[in-house]
Amino acid sequence: MTRNVLRAGALALALSLAASAGPAPAAAASAAAVPTGPTVKIDNFVFGPSALTVSVGTTVTWINQDDIPHTVAAADKSFKSKVLDSNERFSFTFTRPGEYGYFCSLHPHMVGKVIVKPG
């Protein structure tokens, strides 16, 4: 009987914690996984498109569709992703006009650029 009481108490605690934690991480991740701005696909050791022109305030999302890991790193160090495995994404919002060259730090021959125009 003591075990049943302990199990019931543990179950009640787990349910209480889950309820107070809000939505499950998977639900939150799936909602955030849909890019709302332009995307750059990483595939076959290439960023595509290799050059992208956007306005200030635009969020660009890179999606690794390759079967090996890659990164997205700005030449001026203004942004850098973690290592992206297959189907992982990285997003960055450009807040200033300019030309932002970037590369994969694991495969430096992979390069691209984002040209940011004023509003």
PDB file of N, CA and C in Angstrom:
ATOM      1  N   MET A   1       0.820  -1.186   0.000  1.00  0.00           N
ATOM      2  CA  MET A   1       0.000   0.000   0.000  1.00  0.00           C
ATOM      3  C   MET A   1       0.869   1.257   0.000  1.00  0.00           C
ATOM      4  N   THR A   2       1.971   1.237   0.723  1.00  0.00           N
ATOM      5  CA  THR A   2       2.862   2.394   0.762  1.00  0.00           C
ATOM      6  C   THR A   2       3.396   2.705  -0.625  1.00  0.00           C
ATOM      7  N   ARG A   3       3.747   1.661  -1.407  1.00  0.00           N
ATOM      8  CA  ARG A   3       4.237   1.867  -2.770  1.00  0.00           C
ATOM      9  C   ARG A   3       3.175   2.537  -3.636  1.00  0.00           C
ATOM     10  N   ASN A   4       1.927   2.092  -3.509  1.00  0.00           N
ATOM     11  CA  ASN A   4       0.855   2.692  -4.305  1.00  0.00           C
ATOM     12  C   ASN A   4       0.664   4.163  -3.961  1.00  0.00           C
ATOM     13  N   VAL A   5       0.773   4.503  -2.685  1.00  0.00           N
ATOM     14  CA  VAL A   5       0.639   5.893  -2.264  1.00  0.00           C
ATOM     15  C   VAL A   5       1.791   6.712  -2.834  1.00  0.00           C
ATOM     16  N   LEU A   6       3.017   6.173  -2.787  1.00  0.00           N
ATOM     17  CA  LEU A   6       4.173   6.870  -3.334  1.00  0.00           C
ATOM     18  C   LEU A   6       4.024   7.052  -4.849  1.00  0.00           C
ATOM     19  N   ARG A   7       3.584   6.015  -5.553  1.00  0.00           N
ATOM     20  CA  ARG A   7       3.389   6.112  -7.002  1.00  0.00           C
ATOM     21  C   ARG A   7       2.326   7.155  -7.333  1.00  0.00           C
ATOM     22  N   ALA A   8       1.229   7.147  -6.582  1.00  0.00           N
ATOM     23  CA  ALA A   8       0.158   8.113  -6.833  1.00  0.00           C
ATOM     24  C   ALA A   8       0.667   9.527  -6.584  1.00  0.00           C
ATOM     25  N   GLY A   9       1.460   9.718  -5.537  1.00  0.00           N
ATOM     26  CA  GLY A   9       2.024  11.034  -5.246  1.00  0.00           C
ATOM     27  C   GLY A   9       2.993  11.481  -6.336  1.00  0.00           C
ATOM     28  N   ALA A  10       3.829  10.572  -6.829  1.00  0.00           N
ATOM     29  CA  ALA A  10       4.783  10.897  -7.893  1.00  0.00           C
ATOM     30  C   ALA A  10       4.050  11.246  -9.178  1.00  0.00           C
ATOM     31  N   LEU A  11       2.989  10.499  -9.471  1.00  0.00           N
ATOM     32  CA  LEU A  11       2.200  10.772 -10.669  1.00  0.00           C
ATOM     33  C   LEU A  11       1.525  12.138 -10.555  1.00  0.00           C
ATOM     34  N   ALA A  12       0.965  12.454  -9.411  1.00  0.00           N
ATOM     35  CA  ALA A  12       0.317  13.746  -9.218  1.00  0.00           C
ATOM     36  C   ALA A  12       1.328  14.882  -9.361  1.00  0.00           C
ATOM     37  N   LEU A  13       2.531  14.700  -8.830  1.00  0.00           N
ATOM     38  CA  LEU A  13       3.577  15.717  -8.945  1.00  0.00           C
ATOM     39  C   LEU A  13       3.979  15.896 -10.407  1.00  0.00           C
ATOM     40  N   ALA A  14       4.155  14.791 -11.126  1.00  0.00           N
ATOM     41  CA  ALA A  14       4.544  14.872 -12.539  1.00  0.00           C
ATOM     42  C   ALA A  14       3.476  15.583 -13.359  1.00  0.00           C
ATOM     43  N   LEU A  15       2.213  15.266 -13.120  1.00  0.00           N
ATOM     44  CA  LEU A  15       1.128  15.916 -13.852  1.00  0.00           C
ATOM     45  C   LEU A  15       1.059  17.404 -13.517  1.00  0.00           C
ATOM     46  N   SER A  16       1.288  17.742 -12.256  1.00  0.00           N
ATOM     47  CA  SER A  16       1.262  19.135 -11.837  1.00  0.00           C
ATOM     48  C   SER A  16       2.388  19.926 -12.502  1.00  0.00           C
ATOM     49  N   LEU A  17       3.581  19.344 -12.547  1.00  0.00           N
ATOM     50  CA  LEU A  17       4.715  20.012 -13.187  1.00  0.00           C
ATOM     51  C   LEU A  17       4.478  20.171 -14.682  1.00  0.00           C
ATOM     52  N   ALA A  18       3.946  19.149 -15.315  1.00  0.00           N
ATOM     53  CA  ALA A  18       3.678  19.222 -16.748  1.00  0.00           C
ATOM     54  C   ALA A  18       2.640  20.291 -17.052  1.00  0.00           C
ATOM     55  N   ALA A  19       1.631  20.403 -16.235  1.00  0.00           N
ATOM     56  CA  ALA A  19       0.583  21.397 -16.461  1.00  0.00           C
ATOM     57  C   ALA A  19       1.115  22.812 -16.283  1.00  0.00           C
ATOM     58  N   SER A  20       2.006  23.011 -15.317  1.00  0.00           N
ATOM     59  CA  SER A  20       2.532  24.358 -15.074  1.00  0.00           C
ATOM     60  C   SER A  20       3.625  24.741 -16.057  1.00  0.00           C
ATOM     61  N   ALA A  21       4.187  23.766 -16.782  1.00  0.00           N
ATOM     62  CA  ALA A  21       5.283  24.043 -17.710  1.00  0.00           C
ATOM     63  C   ALA A  21       4.804  24.608 -19.032  1.00  0.00           C
ATOM     64  N   GLY A  22       3.525  24.557 -19.307  1.00  0.00           N
ATOM     65  CA  GLY A  22       3.015  25.078 -20.576  1.00  0.00           C
ATOM     66  C   GLY A  22       3.079  24.014 -21.646  1.00  0.00           C
ATOM     67  N   PRO A  23       3.074  24.439 -22.922  1.00  0.00           N
ATOM     68  CA  PRO A  23       3.045  23.470 -24.002  1.00  0.00           C
ATOM     69  C   PRO A  23       4.324  22.649 -24.048  1.00  0.00           C
ATOM     70  N   ALA A  24       4.197  21.459 -24.557  1.00  0.00           N
ATOM     71  CA  ALA A  24       5.345  20.569 -24.688  1.00  0.00           C
ATOM     72  C   ALA A  24       6.361  21.192 -25.637  1.00  0.00           C
ATOM     73  N   PRO A  25       7.673  20.974 -25.408  1.00  0.00           N
ATOM     74  CA  PRO A  25       8.688  21.557 -26.277  1.00  0.00           C
ATOM     75  C   PRO A  25       8.489  21.203 -27.746  1.00  0.00           C
ATOM     76  N   ALA A  26       8.046  20.007 -28.060  1.00  0.00           N
ATOM     77  CA  ALA A  26       7.846  19.618 -29.456  1.00  0.00           C
ATOM     78  C   ALA A  26       6.797  20.504 -30.115  1.00  0.00           C
ATOM     79  N   ALA A  27       5.746  20.850 -29.382  1.00  0.00           N
ATOM     80  CA  ALA A  27       4.704  21.707 -29.947  1.00  0.00           C
ATOM     81  C   ALA A  27       5.250  23.102 -30.199  1.00  0.00           C
ATOM     82  N   ALA A  28       6.037  23.609 -29.265  1.00  0.00           N
ATOM     83  CA  ALA A  28       6.614  24.935 -29.431  1.00  0.00           C
ATOM     84  C   ALA A  28       7.604  24.936 -30.594  1.00  0.00           C
ATOM     85  N   ALA A  29       8.393  23.877 -30.716  1.00  0.00           N
ATOM     86  CA  ALA A  29       9.389  23.807 -31.776  1.00  0.00           C
ATOM     87  C   ALA A  29       8.729  23.725 -33.144  1.00  0.00           C
ATOM     88  N   SER A  30       7.636  22.999 -33.261  1.00  0.00           N
ATOM     89  CA  SER A  30       7.002  22.867 -34.566  1.00  0.00           C
ATOM     90  C   SER A  30       6.388  24.187 -35.011  1.00  0.00           C
ATOM     91  N   ALA A  31       5.878  24.971 -34.079  1.00  0.00           N
ATOM     92  CA  ALA A  31       5.321  26.262 -34.444  1.00  0.00           C
ATOM     93  C   ALA A  31       6.418  27.219 -34.884  1.00  0.00           C
ATOM     94  N   ALA A  32       7.579  27.156 -34.242  1.00  0.00           N
ATOM     95  CA  ALA A  32       8.683  28.040 -34.575  1.00  0.00           C
ATOM     96  C   ALA A  32       9.455  27.541 -35.797  1.00  0.00           C
ATOM     97  N   ALA A  33       9.224  26.323 -36.220  1.00  0.00           N
ATOM     98  CA  ALA A  33      10.001  25.727 -37.299  1.00  0.00           C
ATOM     99  C   ALA A  33       9.595  26.230 -38.678  1.00  0.00           C
ATOM    100  N   VAL A  34       8.471  26.894 -38.794  1.00  0.00           N
ATOM    101  CA  VAL A  34       8.006  27.370 -40.096  1.00  0.00           C
ATOM    102  C   VAL A  34       8.558  28.773 -40.337  1.00  0.00           C
ATOM    103  N   PRO A  35       9.506  28.899 -41.285  1.00  0.00           N
ATOM    104  CA  PRO A  35      10.065  30.229 -41.534  1.00  0.00           C
ATOM    105  C   PRO A  35       9.029  31.150 -42.171  1.00  0.00           C
ATOM    106  N   THR A  36       9.040  32.420 -41.773  1.00  0.00           N
ATOM    107  CA  THR A  36       8.095  33.381 -42.330  1.00  0.00           C
ATOM    108  C   THR A  36       8.747  34.272 -43.380  1.00  0.00           C
ATOM    109  N   GLY A  37      10.060  34.273 -43.456  1.00  0.00           N
ATOM    110  CA  GLY A  37      10.781  35.082 -44.427  1.00  0.00           C
ATOM    111  C   GLY A  37      11.487  34.205 -45.444  1.00  0.00           C
ATOM    112  N   PRO A  38      12.433  34.795 -46.167  1.00  0.00           N
ATOM    113  CA  PRO A  38      13.162  34.033 -47.180  1.00  0.00           C
ATOM    114  C   PRO A  38      14.018  32.926 -46.558  1.00  0.00           C
ATOM    115  N   THR A  39      14.244  31.881 -47.320  1.00  0.00           N
ATOM    116  CA  THR A  39      15.063  30.766 -46.855  1.00  0.00           C
ATOM    117  C   THR A  39      16.237  30.538 -47.804  1.00  0.00           C
ATOM    118  N   VAL A  40      17.314  30.033 -47.219  1.00  0.00           N
ATOM    119  CA  VAL A  40      18.485  29.604 -47.979  1.00  0.00           C
ATOM    120  C   VAL A  40      18.645  28.128 -47.688  1.00  0.00           C
ATOM    121  N   LYS A  41      18.677  27.328 -48.734  1.00  0.00           N
ATOM    122  CA  LYS A  41      18.825  25.882 -48.572  1.00  0.00           C
ATOM    123  C   LYS A  41      20.299  25.515 -48.650  1.00  0.00           C
ATOM    124  N   ILE A  42      20.700  24.641 -47.743  1.00  0.00           N
ATOM    125  CA  ILE A  42      22.061  24.113 -47.747  1.00  0.00           C
ATOM    126  C   ILE A  42      21.957  22.693 -48.273  1.00  0.00           C
ATOM    127  N   ASP A  43      22.545  22.451 -49.435  1.00  0.00           N
ATOM    128  CA  ASP A  43      22.454  21.128 -50.046  1.00  0.00           C
ATOM    129  C   ASP A  43      23.638  20.907 -50.971  1.00  0.00           C
ATOM    130  N   ASN A  44      24.202  19.716 -50.913  1.00  0.00           N
ATOM    131  CA  ASN A  44      25.306  19.336 -51.791  1.00  0.00           C
ATOM    132  C   ASN A  44      26.460  20.342 -51.704  1.00  0.00           C
ATOM    133  N   PHE A  45      26.768  20.783 -50.479  1.00  0.00           N
ATOM    134  CA  PHE A  45      27.868  21.714 -50.204  1.00  0.00           C
ATOM    135  C   PHE A  45      27.680  23.074 -50.872  1.00  0.00           C
ATOM    136  N   VAL A  46      26.430  23.520 -51.001  1.00  0.00           N
ATOM    137  CA  VAL A  46      26.128  24.804 -51.633  1.00  0.00           C
ATOM    138  C   VAL A  46      25.026  25.504 -50.845  1.00  0.00           C
ATOM    139  N   PHE A  47      25.161  26.845 -50.696  1.00  0.00           N
ATOM    140  CA  PHE A  47      24.082  27.675 -50.178  1.00  0.00           C
ATOM    141  C   PHE A  47      23.265  28.131 -51.377  1.00  0.00           C
ATOM    142  N   GLY A  48      21.951  27.919 -51.344  1.00  0.00           N
ATOM    143  CA  GLY A  48      21.131  28.325 -52.482  1.00  0.00           C
ATOM    144  C   GLY A  48      19.898  29.079 -52.034  1.00  0.00           C
ATOM    145  N   PRO A  49      19.714  30.289 -52.505  1.00  0.00           N
ATOM    146  CA  PRO A  49      20.565  30.990 -53.469  1.00  0.00           C
ATOM    147  C   PRO A  49      21.865  31.454 -52.807  1.00  0.00           C
ATOM    148  N   SER A  50      22.886  31.636 -53.630  1.00  0.00           N
ATOM    149  CA  SER A  50      24.180  32.054 -53.081  1.00  0.00           C
ATOM    150  C   SER A  50      24.160  33.525 -52.691  1.00  0.00           C
ATOM    151  N   ALA A  51      23.276  34.318 -53.294  1.00  0.00           N
ATOM    152  CA  ALA A  51      23.113  35.731 -52.929  1.00  0.00           C
ATOM    153  C   ALA A  51      21.628  36.010 -52.778  1.00  0.00           C
ATOM    154  N   LEU A  52      21.307  36.771 -51.756  1.00  0.00           N
ATOM    155  CA  LEU A  52      19.917  37.072 -51.440  1.00  0.00           C
ATOM    156  C   LEU A  52      19.823  38.545 -51.066  1.00  0.00           C
ATOM    157  N   THR A  53      18.849  39.262 -51.634  1.00  0.00           N
ATOM    158  CA  THR A  53      18.637  40.668 -51.307  1.00  0.00           C
ATOM    159  C   THR A  53      17.346  40.803 -50.509  1.00  0.00           C
ATOM    160  N   VAL A  54      17.445  41.463 -49.331  1.00  0.00           N
ATOM    161  CA  VAL A  54      16.300  41.628 -48.436  1.00  0.00           C
ATOM    162  C   VAL A  54      16.274  43.065 -47.919  1.00  0.00           C
ATOM    163  N   SER A  55      15.194  43.430 -47.256  1.00  0.00           N
ATOM    164  CA  SER A  55      15.071  44.733 -46.603  1.00  0.00           C
ATOM    165  C   SER A  55      15.460  44.620 -45.137  1.00  0.00           C
ATOM    166  N   VAL A  56      15.829  45.753 -44.545  1.00  0.00           N
ATOM    167  CA  VAL A  56      16.111  45.805 -43.108  1.00  0.00           C
ATOM    168  C   VAL A  56      14.903  45.255 -42.352  1.00  0.00           C
ATOM    169  N   GLY A  57      15.173  44.462 -41.330  1.00  0.00           N
ATOM    170  CA  GLY A  57      14.107  43.877 -40.523  1.00  0.00           C
ATOM    171  C   GLY A  57      13.694  42.489 -40.973  1.00  0.00           C
ATOM    172  N   THR A  58      14.263  42.005 -42.064  1.00  0.00           N
ATOM    173  CA  THR A  58      13.911  40.687 -42.592  1.00  0.00           C
ATOM    174  C   THR A  58      14.656  39.594 -41.838  1.00  0.00           C
ATOM    175  N   THR A  59      13.950  38.513 -41.545  1.00  0.00           N
ATOM    176  CA  THR A  59      14.566  37.336 -40.945  1.00  0.00           C
ATOM    177  C   THR A  59      14.806  36.310 -42.043  1.00  0.00           C
ATOM    178  N   VAL A  60      16.052  35.889 -42.174  1.00  0.00           N
ATOM    179  CA  VAL A  60      16.435  34.872 -43.155  1.00  0.00           C
ATOM    180  C   VAL A  60      16.659  33.570 -42.395  1.00  0.00           C
ATOM    181  N   THR A  61      16.178  32.472 -42.962  1.00  0.00           N
ATOM    182  CA  THR A  61      16.348  31.159 -42.349  1.00  0.00           C
ATOM    183  C   THR A  61      17.145  30.261 -43.285  1.00  0.00           C
ATOM    184  N   TRP A  62      18.193  29.653 -42.739  1.00  0.00           N
ATOM    185  CA  TRP A  62      18.981  28.670 -43.474  1.00  0.00           C
ATOM    186  C   TRP A  62      18.521  27.290 -43.029  1.00  0.00           C
ATOM    187  N   ILE A  63      18.325  26.382 -43.992  1.00  0.00           N
ATOM    188  CA  ILE A  63      17.862  25.023 -43.702  1.00  0.00           C
ATOM    189  C   ILE A  63      18.876  24.039 -44.261  1.00  0.00           C
ATOM    190  N   ASN A  64      19.435  23.203 -43.392  1.00  0.00           N
ATOM    191  CA  ASN A  64      20.400  22.206 -43.847  1.00  0.00           C
ATOM    192  C   ASN A  64      19.667  21.005 -44.423  1.00  0.00           C
ATOM    193  N   GLN A  65      19.647  20.912 -45.742  1.00  0.00           N
ATOM    194  CA  GLN A  65      19.016  19.778 -46.411  1.00  0.00           C
ATOM    195  C   GLN A  65      20.052  18.775 -46.896  1.00  0.00           C
ATOM    196  N   ASP A  66      21.282  18.954 -46.446  1.00  0.00           N
ATOM    197  CA  ASP A  66      22.360  18.037 -46.785  1.00  0.00           C
ATOM    198  C   ASP A  66      22.371  16.901 -45.771  1.00  0.00           C
ATOM    199  N   ASP A  67      23.096  15.850 -46.078  1.00  0.00           N
ATOM    200  CA  ASP A  67      23.136  14.726 -45.147  1.00  0.00           C
ATOM    201  C   ASP A  67      24.363  14.774 -44.238  1.00  0.00           C
ATOM    202  N   ILE A  68      25.059  15.906 -44.237  1.00  0.00           N
ATOM    203  CA  ILE A  68      26.174  16.109 -43.316  1.00  0.00           C
ATOM    204  C   ILE A  68      26.021  17.472 -42.637  1.00  0.00           C
ATOM    205  N   PRO A  69      26.678  17.664 -41.505  1.00  0.00           N
ATOM    206  CA  PRO A  69      26.543  18.928 -40.768  1.00  0.00           C
ATOM    207  C   PRO A  69      27.185  20.114 -41.491  1.00  0.00           C
ATOM    208  N   HIS A  70      26.616  21.298 -41.249  1.00  0.00           N
ATOM    209  CA  HIS A  70      27.142  22.557 -41.767  1.00  0.00           C
ATOM    210  C   HIS A  70      26.898  23.645 -40.733  1.00  0.00           C
ATOM    211  N   THR A  71      27.545  24.804 -40.935  1.00  0.00           N
ATOM    212  CA  THR A  71      27.275  25.983 -40.122  1.00  0.00           C
ATOM    213  C   THR A  71      27.014  27.163 -41.051  1.00  0.00           C
ATOM    214  N   VAL A  72      26.538  28.243 -40.470  1.00  0.00           N
ATOM    215  CA  VAL A  72      26.363  29.510 -41.176  1.00  0.00           C
ATOM    216  C   VAL A  72      27.065  30.550 -40.310  1.00  0.00           C
ATOM    217  N   ALA A  73      28.167  31.117 -40.836  1.00  0.00           N
ATOM    218  CA  ALA A  73      28.957  32.068 -40.048  1.00  0.00           C
ATOM    219  C   ALA A  73      29.244  33.307 -40.877  1.00  0.00           C
ATOM    220  N   ALA A  74      28.892  34.474 -40.336  1.00  0.00           N
ATOM    221  CA  ALA A  74      29.144  35.738 -41.027  1.00  0.00           C
ATOM    222  C   ALA A  74      30.639  36.036 -41.025  1.00  0.00           C
ATOM    223  N   ALA A  75      31.134  36.537 -42.147  1.00  0.00           N
ATOM    224  CA  ALA A  75      32.540  36.919 -42.239  1.00  0.00           C
ATOM    225  C   ALA A  75      32.876  38.018 -41.233  1.00  0.00           C
ATOM    226  N   ASP A  76      31.912  38.912 -40.948  1.00  0.00           N
ATOM    227  CA  ASP A  76      32.141  39.996 -39.983  1.00  0.00           C
ATOM    228  C   ASP A  76      31.783  39.597 -38.547  1.00  0.00           C
ATOM    229  N   LYS A  77      31.478  38.328 -38.348  1.00  0.00           N
ATOM    230  CA  LYS A  77      31.153  37.753 -37.033  1.00  0.00           C
ATOM    231  C   LYS A  77      29.862  38.294 -36.423  1.00  0.00           C
ATOM    232  N   SER A  78      28.984  38.863 -37.242  1.00  0.00           N
ATOM    233  CA  SER A  78      27.725  39.392 -36.719  1.00  0.00           C
ATOM    234  C   SER A  78      26.724  38.289 -36.392  1.00  0.00           C
ATOM    235  N   PHE A  79      26.886  37.110 -36.968  1.00  0.00           N
ATOM    236  CA  PHE A  79      26.031  35.973 -36.631  1.00  0.00           C
ATOM    237  C   PHE A  79      26.792  34.682 -36.886  1.00  0.00           C
ATOM    238  N   LYS A  80      26.404  33.655 -36.152  1.00  0.00           N
ATOM    239  CA  LYS A  80      26.980  32.321 -36.345  1.00  0.00           C
ATOM    240  C   LYS A  80      26.019  31.287 -35.778  1.00  0.00           C
ATOM    241  N   SER A  81      25.749  30.270 -36.559  1.00  0.00           N
ATOM    242  CA  SER A  81      24.872  29.189 -36.105  1.00  0.00           C
ATOM    243  C   SER A  81      25.682  28.164 -35.326  1.00  0.00           C
ATOM    244  N   LYS A  82      24.970  27.310 -34.640  1.00  0.00           N
ATOM    245  CA  LYS A  82      25.595  26.104 -34.098  1.00  0.00           C
ATOM    246  C   LYS A  82      25.779  25.157 -35.281  1.00  0.00           C
ATOM    247  N   VAL A  83      26.392  24.027 -35.074  1.00  0.00           N
ATOM    248  CA  VAL A  83      26.498  23.028 -36.137  1.00  0.00           C
ATOM    249  C   VAL A  83      25.093  22.508 -36.416  1.00  0.00           C
ATOM    250  N   LEU A  84      24.672  22.613 -37.671  1.00  0.00           N
ATOM    251  CA  LEU A  84      23.326  22.201 -38.076  1.00  0.00           C
ATOM    252  C   LEU A  84      23.369  20.805 -38.674  1.00  0.00           C
ATOM    253  N   ASP A  85      22.686  19.880 -38.047  1.00  0.00           N
ATOM    254  CA  ASP A  85      22.538  18.550 -38.621  1.00  0.00           C
ATOM    255  C   ASP A  85      21.464  18.593 -39.705  1.00  0.00           C
ATOM    256  N   SER A  86      21.245  17.487 -40.373  1.00  0.00           N
ATOM    257  CA  SER A  86      20.237  17.412 -41.432  1.00  0.00           C
ATOM    258  C   SER A  86      18.888  17.898 -40.929  1.00  0.00           C
ATOM    259  N   ASN A  87      18.257  18.762 -41.720  1.00  0.00           N
ATOM    260  CA  ASN A  87      16.934  19.329 -41.473  1.00  0.00           C
ATOM    261  C   ASN A  87      16.876  20.335 -40.320  1.00  0.00           C
ATOM    262  N   GLU A  88      18.001  20.701 -39.747  1.00  0.00           N
ATOM    263  CA  GLU A  88      17.989  21.745 -38.728  1.00  0.00           C
ATOM    264  C   GLU A  88      18.061  23.108 -39.399  1.00  0.00           C
ATOM    265  N   ARG A  89      17.612  24.135 -38.662  1.00  0.00           N
ATOM    266  CA  ARG A  89      17.498  25.492 -39.200  1.00  0.00           C
ATOM    267  C   ARG A  89      18.206  26.493 -38.312  1.00  0.00           C
ATOM    268  N   PHE A  90      18.583  27.601 -38.938  1.00  0.00           N
ATOM    269  CA  PHE A  90      19.151  28.744 -38.234  1.00  0.00           C
ATOM    270  C   PHE A  90      18.537  29.993 -38.836  1.00  0.00           C
ATOM    271  N   SER A  91      18.099  30.915 -37.999  1.00  0.00           N
ATOM    272  CA  SER A  91      17.502  32.165 -38.472  1.00  0.00           C
ATOM    273  C   SER A  91      18.249  33.347 -37.892  1.00  0.00           C
ATOM    274  N   PHE A  92      18.296  34.428 -38.671  1.00  0.00           N
ATOM    275  CA  PHE A  92      18.922  35.667 -38.232  1.00  0.00           C
ATOM    276  C   PHE A  92      18.137  36.827 -38.820  1.00  0.00           C
ATOM    277  N   THR A  93      17.868  37.839 -37.985  1.00  0.00           N
ATOM    278  CA  THR A  93      17.158  39.035 -38.424  1.00  0.00           C
ATOM    279  C   THR A  93      18.174  40.139 -38.688  1.00  0.00           C
ATOM    280  N   PHE A  94      18.137  40.685 -39.898  1.00  0.00           N
ATOM    281  CA  PHE A  94      19.074  41.728 -40.311  1.00  0.00           C
ATOM    282  C   PHE A  94      18.486  43.094 -39.953  1.00  0.00           C
ATOM    283  N   THR A  95      19.180  43.826 -39.091  1.00  0.00           N
ATOM    284  CA  THR A  95      18.675  45.104 -38.590  1.00  0.00           C
ATOM    285  C   THR A  95      19.393  46.319 -39.172  1.00  0.00           C
ATOM    286  N   ARG A  96      20.441  46.084 -39.948  1.00  0.00           N
ATOM    287  CA  ARG A  96      21.195  47.190 -40.556  1.00  0.00           C
ATOM    288  C   ARG A  96      21.467  46.912 -42.020  1.00  0.00           C
ATOM    289  N   PRO A  97      21.411  47.958 -42.859  1.00  0.00           N
ATOM    290  CA  PRO A  97      21.738  47.759 -44.273  1.00  0.00           C
ATOM    291  C   PRO A  97      23.211  47.382 -44.426  1.00  0.00           C
ATOM    292  N   GLY A  98      23.502  46.705 -45.505  1.00  0.00           N
ATOM    293  CA  GLY A  98      24.884  46.330 -45.803  1.00  0.00           C
ATOM    294  C   GLY A  98      24.941  45.014 -46.546  1.00  0.00           C
ATOM    295  N   GLU A  99      26.148  44.570 -46.795  1.00  0.00           N
ATOM    296  CA  GLU A  99      26.371  43.289 -47.464  1.00  0.00           C
ATOM    297  C   GLU A  99      27.043  42.361 -46.465  1.00  0.00           C
ATOM    298  N   TYR A 100      26.411  41.224 -46.232  1.00  0.00           N
ATOM    299  CA  TYR A 100      26.871  40.278 -45.228  1.00  0.00           C
ATOM    300  C   TYR A 100      27.321  38.993 -45.917  1.00  0.00           C
ATOM    301  N   GLY A 101      28.632  38.835 -46.066  1.00  0.00           N
ATOM    302  CA  GLY A 101      29.170  37.589 -46.583  1.00  0.00           C
ATOM    303  C   GLY A 101      29.160  36.553 -45.481  1.00  0.00           C
ATOM    304  N   TYR A 102      28.932  35.304 -45.843  1.00  0.00           N
ATOM    305  CA  TYR A 102      28.947  34.229 -44.855  1.00  0.00           C
ATOM    306  C   TYR A 102      29.522  32.960 -45.473  1.00  0.00           C
ATOM    307  N   PHE A 103      29.846  31.997 -44.615  1.00  0.00           N
ATOM    308  CA  PHE A 103      30.461  30.748 -45.055  1.00  0.00           C
ATOM    309  C   PHE A 103      30.124  29.643 -44.064  1.00  0.00           C
ATOM    310  N   CYS A 104      30.443  28.422 -44.429  1.00  0.00           N
ATOM    311  CA  CYS A 104      30.329  27.286 -43.515  1.00  0.00           C
ATOM    312  C   CYS A 104      31.692  27.112 -42.857  1.00  0.00           C
ATOM    313  N   SER A 105      31.761  27.202 -41.542  1.00  0.00           N
ATOM    314  CA  SER A 105      33.050  27.097 -40.862  1.00  0.00           C
ATOM    315  C   SER A 105      33.633  25.681 -40.933  1.00  0.00           C
ATOM    316  N   LEU A 106      32.810  24.698 -41.249  1.00  0.00           N
ATOM    317  CA  LEU A 106      33.305  23.326 -41.423  1.00  0.00           C
ATOM    318  C   LEU A 106      33.810  23.087 -42.846  1.00  0.00           C
ATOM    319  N   HIS A 107      33.281  23.839 -43.797  1.00  0.00           N
ATOM    320  CA  HIS A 107      33.628  23.705 -45.217  1.00  0.00           C
ATOM    321  C   HIS A 107      33.772  25.121 -45.794  1.00  0.00           C
ATOM    322  N   PRO A 108      34.897  25.794 -45.534  1.00  0.00           N
ATOM    323  CA  PRO A 108      35.040  27.222 -45.864  1.00  0.00           C
ATOM    324  C   PRO A 108      34.883  27.577 -47.341  1.00  0.00           C
ATOM    325  N   HIS A 109      34.911  26.588 -48.219  1.00  0.00           N
ATOM    326  CA  HIS A 109      34.673  26.886 -49.639  1.00  0.00           C
ATOM    327  C   HIS A 109      33.202  27.186 -49.916  1.00  0.00           C
ATOM    328  N   MET A 110      32.333  26.859 -48.977  1.00  0.00           N
ATOM    329  CA  MET A 110      30.907  27.154 -49.109  1.00  0.00           C
ATOM    330  C   MET A 110      30.678  28.600 -48.681  1.00  0.00           C
ATOM    331  N   VAL A 111      30.255  29.445 -49.608  1.00  0.00           N
ATOM    332  CA  VAL A 111      30.069  30.875 -49.304  1.00  0.00           C
ATOM    333  C   VAL A 111      28.744  31.373 -49.860  1.00  0.00           C
ATOM    334  N   GLY A 112      28.265  32.445 -49.274  1.00  0.00           N
ATOM    335  CA  GLY A 112      27.054  33.119 -49.747  1.00  0.00           C
ATOM    336  C   GLY A 112      27.047  34.531 -49.224  1.00  0.00           C
ATOM    337  N   LYS A 113      26.013  35.303 -49.618  1.00  0.00           N
ATOM    338  CA  LYS A 113      25.912  36.650 -49.073  1.00  0.00           C
ATOM    339  C   LYS A 113      24.454  37.079 -49.034  1.00  0.00           C
ATOM    340  N   VAL A 114      24.192  37.947 -48.074  1.00  0.00           N
ATOM    341  CA  VAL A 114      22.882  38.577 -47.932  1.00  0.00           C
ATOM    342  C   VAL A 114      23.112  40.081 -48.085  1.00  0.00           C
ATOM    343  N   ILE A 115      22.395  40.677 -49.022  1.00  0.00           N
ATOM    344  CA  ILE A 115      22.467  42.122 -49.259  1.00  0.00           C
ATOM    345  C   ILE A 115      21.220  42.720 -48.615  1.00  0.00           C
ATOM    346  N   VAL A 116      21.433  43.618 -47.657  1.00  0.00           N
ATOM    347  CA  VAL A 116      20.327  44.204 -46.892  1.00  0.00           C
ATOM    348  C   VAL A 116      20.167  45.668 -47.327  1.00  0.00           C
ATOM    349  N   LYS A 117      19.005  45.952 -47.891  1.00  0.00           N
ATOM    350  CA  LYS A 117      18.666  47.309 -48.354  1.00  0.00           C
ATOM    351  C   LYS A 117      17.896  48.046 -47.275  1.00  0.00           C
ATOM    352  N   PRO A 118      18.025  49.380 -47.226  1.00  0.00           N
ATOM    353  CA  PRO A 118      17.233  50.146 -46.250  1.00  0.00           C
ATOM    354  C   PRO A 118      15.737  49.935 -46.484  1.00  0.00           C
ATOM    355  N   GLY A 119      14.959  49.978 -45.389  1.00  0.00           N
ATOM    356  CA  GLY A 119      13.514  49.802 -45.368  1.00  0.00           C
ATOM    357  C   GLY A 119      12.851  50.007 -46.662  1.00  0.00           C
TER     358      GLY A 119
END
